[in-house]
Amino acid sequence: MLFRSLTYVGVLALGMAAAGPAASQEPDRIFDKSTVWRPLTPNDKLVVYGIDDPVVAGVACWYTQPEKGGIKGTLGLAEDVSDISLACRQTGPVTFKGKLSQGEVVFSERRSLIFKSMQIVRGCDARRNTLIYMVYSDKVIQGSPKNSSSAVPLAPWGTEPAPKCADAMK
């Protein structure tokens, strides 16, 4: 019985490790701020990361997430909480490198050893010509209601006209 459970967990972990191309982008660590001091091990921190949208050039997102310190955090055994904030902005002329899908994963990373992950997804509000980004965490069995959203209205950049996100939809 124990072997069957361990086999199930192993197969599940392999399936999650092979999840999508969005998981391959490595975020830039911008800075961190300690929130809990620990005398002999690393402190708990809030860490700000930046990523570029892999399909929409000229748009970047920054997210802040807590990172556990202590012994469990140092060994990579602590499950990170689901409190993640998000801000996305137009950083240059926007060009679409491919077709977009509503709710498409822009970035994903594991938040615990096996069962929890963080996702940043994108959608298009065609009526307002705005890209909408949402960050949330999910578990294999139950997701988290904690989430954050950010909107990027597509605007002209220099002499470049604003593209229409609706034109880039599949």
Protein backbone atom coordinates (compact mmCIF):
# COMPACT_ATOMS: atom_id res chain seq x y z
CA MET A 1 0.00 0.00 0.00
CA LEU A 2 2.82 2.43 0.89
CA PHE A 3 4.64 1.56 -2.35
CA ARG A 4 1.49 2.30 -4.38
CA SER A 5 1.15 5.72 -2.68
CA LEU A 6 4.80 6.56 -3.29
CA THR A 7 4.50 5.49 -6.94
CA TYR A 8 1.43 7.72 -7.37
CA VAL A 9 3.31 10.68 -5.86
CA GLY A 10 6.31 10.03 -8.13
CA VAL A 11 4.18 9.89 -11.29
CA LEU A 12 2.33 13.03 -10.20
CA ALA A 13 5.61 14.88 -9.62
CA LEU A 14 6.90 13.89 -13.07
CA GLY A 15 3.69 15.12 -14.67
CA MET A 16 3.93 18.46 -12.90
CA ALA A 17 7.60 18.83 -13.82
CA ALA A 18 6.71 18.46 -17.51
CA ALA A 19 4.02 21.14 -17.31
CA GLY A 20 4.20 23.55 -20.21
CA PRO A 21 6.76 25.86 -21.75
CA ALA A 22 5.83 28.82 -19.53
CA ALA A 23 7.59 27.14 -16.61
CA SER A 24 10.97 27.43 -18.36
CA GLN A 25 11.39 31.21 -17.99
CA GLU A 26 13.57 32.17 -15.04
CA PRO A 27 12.35 35.30 -13.19
CA ASP A 28 14.74 38.11 -12.26
CA ARG A 29 15.10 38.57 -8.51
CA ILE A 30 14.84 42.34 -8.02
CA PHE A 31 15.14 42.69 -4.23
CA ASP A 32 13.91 41.28 -0.92
CA LYS A 33 12.93 42.57 2.50
CA SER A 34 13.14 40.51 5.70
CA THR A 35 9.89 40.15 7.61
CA VAL A 36 10.86 37.68 10.37
CA TRP A 37 14.32 37.64 11.91
CA ARG A 38 15.79 34.21 12.65
CA PRO A 39 19.06 34.05 14.63
CA LEU A 40 20.82 31.02 13.06
CA THR A 41 19.01 30.43 9.76
CA PRO A 42 17.83 32.65 6.89
CA ASN A 43 15.04 35.13 7.67
CA ASP A 44 11.52 34.96 6.24
CA LYS A 45 11.34 37.47 3.39
CA LEU A 46 9.13 39.20 0.87
CA VAL A 47 10.83 38.91 -2.52
CA VAL A 48 10.10 40.91 -5.68
CA TYR A 49 10.64 39.15 -9.02
CA GLY A 50 10.30 40.46 -12.58
CA ILE A 51 9.40 38.56 -15.75
CA ASP A 52 8.80 39.53 -19.37
CA ASP A 53 5.73 38.19 -21.12
CA PRO A 54 7.17 35.51 -23.44
CA VAL A 55 4.58 36.13 -26.19
CA VAL A 56 3.90 39.88 -25.80
CA ALA A 57 7.07 41.95 -26.28
CA GLY A 58 6.91 45.26 -24.44
CA VAL A 59 5.02 43.97 -21.38
CA ALA A 60 6.61 42.96 -18.08
CA CYS A 61 5.18 41.80 -14.76
CA TRP A 62 6.52 42.01 -11.23
CA TYR A 63 5.25 39.80 -8.44
CA THR A 64 5.98 39.79 -4.73
CA GLN A 65 5.85 36.56 -2.79
CA PRO A 66 6.83 35.47 0.70
CA GLU A 67 9.72 33.05 1.13
CA LYS A 68 10.13 31.00 4.27
CA GLY A 69 13.41 30.99 6.10
CA GLY A 70 14.34 28.77 9.00
CA ILE A 71 15.47 25.19 8.72
CA LYS A 72 12.56 24.04 6.52
CA GLY A 73 13.00 26.99 4.18
CA THR A 74 16.74 26.38 3.92
CA LEU A 75 16.20 22.72 3.07
CA GLY A 76 13.42 23.52 0.57
CA LEU A 77 10.81 21.66 2.62
CA ALA A 78 8.61 24.63 3.62
CA GLU A 79 5.38 25.11 1.71
CA ASP A 80 5.16 28.75 0.64
CA VAL A 81 1.88 30.50 1.37
CA SER A 82 -0.42 31.65 -1.41
CA ASP A 83 -0.11 35.40 -0.75
CA ILE A 84 1.28 36.78 -4.03
CA SER A 85 0.78 40.29 -5.43
CA LEU A 86 1.14 41.27 -9.09
CA ALA A 87 1.76 44.41 -11.17
CA CYS A 88 2.18 44.41 -14.97
CA ARG A 89 3.07 47.36 -17.20
CA GLN A 90 3.80 48.27 -20.79
CA THR A 91 7.57 48.82 -20.97
CA GLY A 92 7.99 49.48 -24.71
CA PRO A 93 6.20 49.13 -28.02
CA VAL A 94 3.90 46.11 -27.82
CA THR A 95 4.25 43.39 -30.44
CA PHE A 96 2.67 39.96 -30.39
CA LYS A 97 5.08 37.10 -31.11
CA GLY A 98 2.23 34.63 -31.56
CA LYS A 99 -1.47 34.06 -31.07
CA LEU A 100 -2.96 34.44 -27.57
CA SER A 101 -5.51 32.31 -25.74
CA GLN A 102 -7.71 33.49 -22.88
CA GLY A 103 -6.25 32.26 -19.60
CA GLU A 104 -2.95 31.23 -21.18
CA VAL A 105 -0.12 30.55 -18.71
CA VAL A 106 2.61 33.19 -18.92
CA PHE A 107 4.70 31.89 -16.03
CA SER A 108 4.48 28.98 -13.58
CA GLU A 109 6.58 27.73 -10.69
CA ARG A 110 6.28 25.15 -7.92
CA ARG A 111 5.46 26.50 -4.46
CA SER A 112 5.97 23.29 -2.51
CA LEU A 113 7.84 20.03 -2.91
CA ILE A 114 5.08 18.34 -4.94
CA PHE A 115 1.52 19.58 -4.74
CA LYS A 116 1.37 23.40 -5.02
CA SER A 117 2.22 25.78 -7.85
CA MET A 118 1.90 29.48 -8.67
CA GLN A 119 0.54 30.54 -12.07
CA ILE A 120 0.47 33.87 -13.90
CA VAL A 121 -2.11 33.78 -16.68
CA ARG A 122 -3.09 36.32 -19.35
CA GLY A 123 -6.30 37.30 -21.08
CA CYS A 124 -7.49 39.99 -23.46
CA ASP A 125 -10.31 42.44 -22.74
CA ALA A 126 -11.00 43.24 -26.41
CA ARG A 127 -13.63 45.91 -25.66
CA ARG A 128 -11.10 47.97 -23.68
CA ASN A 129 -8.00 46.84 -25.65
CA THR A 130 -6.35 45.77 -22.40
CA LEU A 131 -4.30 42.74 -21.43
CA ILE A 132 -5.31 41.32 -18.05
CA TYR A 133 -2.87 39.30 -15.96
CA MET A 134 -3.86 37.22 -12.92
CA VAL A 135 -1.66 35.39 -10.42
CA TYR A 136 -2.98 32.55 -8.26
CA SER A 137 -1.77 29.42 -6.56
CA ASP A 138 -3.23 25.97 -6.98
CA LYS A 139 -2.95 22.57 -5.43
CA VAL A 140 -3.60 19.19 -6.98
CA ILE A 141 -6.77 18.73 -4.94
CA GLN A 142 -7.89 22.27 -4.06
CA GLY A 143 -6.84 25.69 -5.32
CA SER A 144 -6.51 28.88 -3.33
CA PRO A 145 -8.97 31.77 -3.53
CA LYS A 146 -6.03 34.15 -2.97
CA ASN A 147 -5.19 35.94 -6.20
CA SER A 148 -4.16 39.27 -7.65
CA SER A 149 -4.84 40.90 -11.02
CA SER A 150 -3.20 43.61 -13.07
CA ALA A 151 -4.30 45.36 -16.27
CA VAL A 152 -2.11 46.68 -19.11
CA PRO A 153 -4.05 49.03 -21.42
CA LEU A 154 -2.31 48.87 -24.79
CA ALA A 155 -1.14 52.36 -25.70
CA PRO A 156 0.85 53.91 -28.54
CA TRP A 157 4.61 53.99 -27.95
CA GLY A 158 6.48 56.81 -29.67
CA THR A 159 5.25 56.81 -33.25
CA GLU A 160 4.06 53.20 -33.03
CA PRO A 161 0.25 52.87 -32.90
CA ALA A 162 -1.31 50.74 -30.18
CA PRO A 163 -1.88 47.15 -31.36
CA LYS A 164 -5.25 45.49 -30.75
CA CYS A 165 -5.13 42.50 -28.43
CA ALA A 166 -8.24 41.12 -30.15
CA ASP A 167 -6.22 40.79 -33.38
CA ALA A 168 -3.75 38.48 -31.60
CA MET A 169 -6.39 36.10 -30.20
CA LYS A 170 -6.67 32.51 -31.49
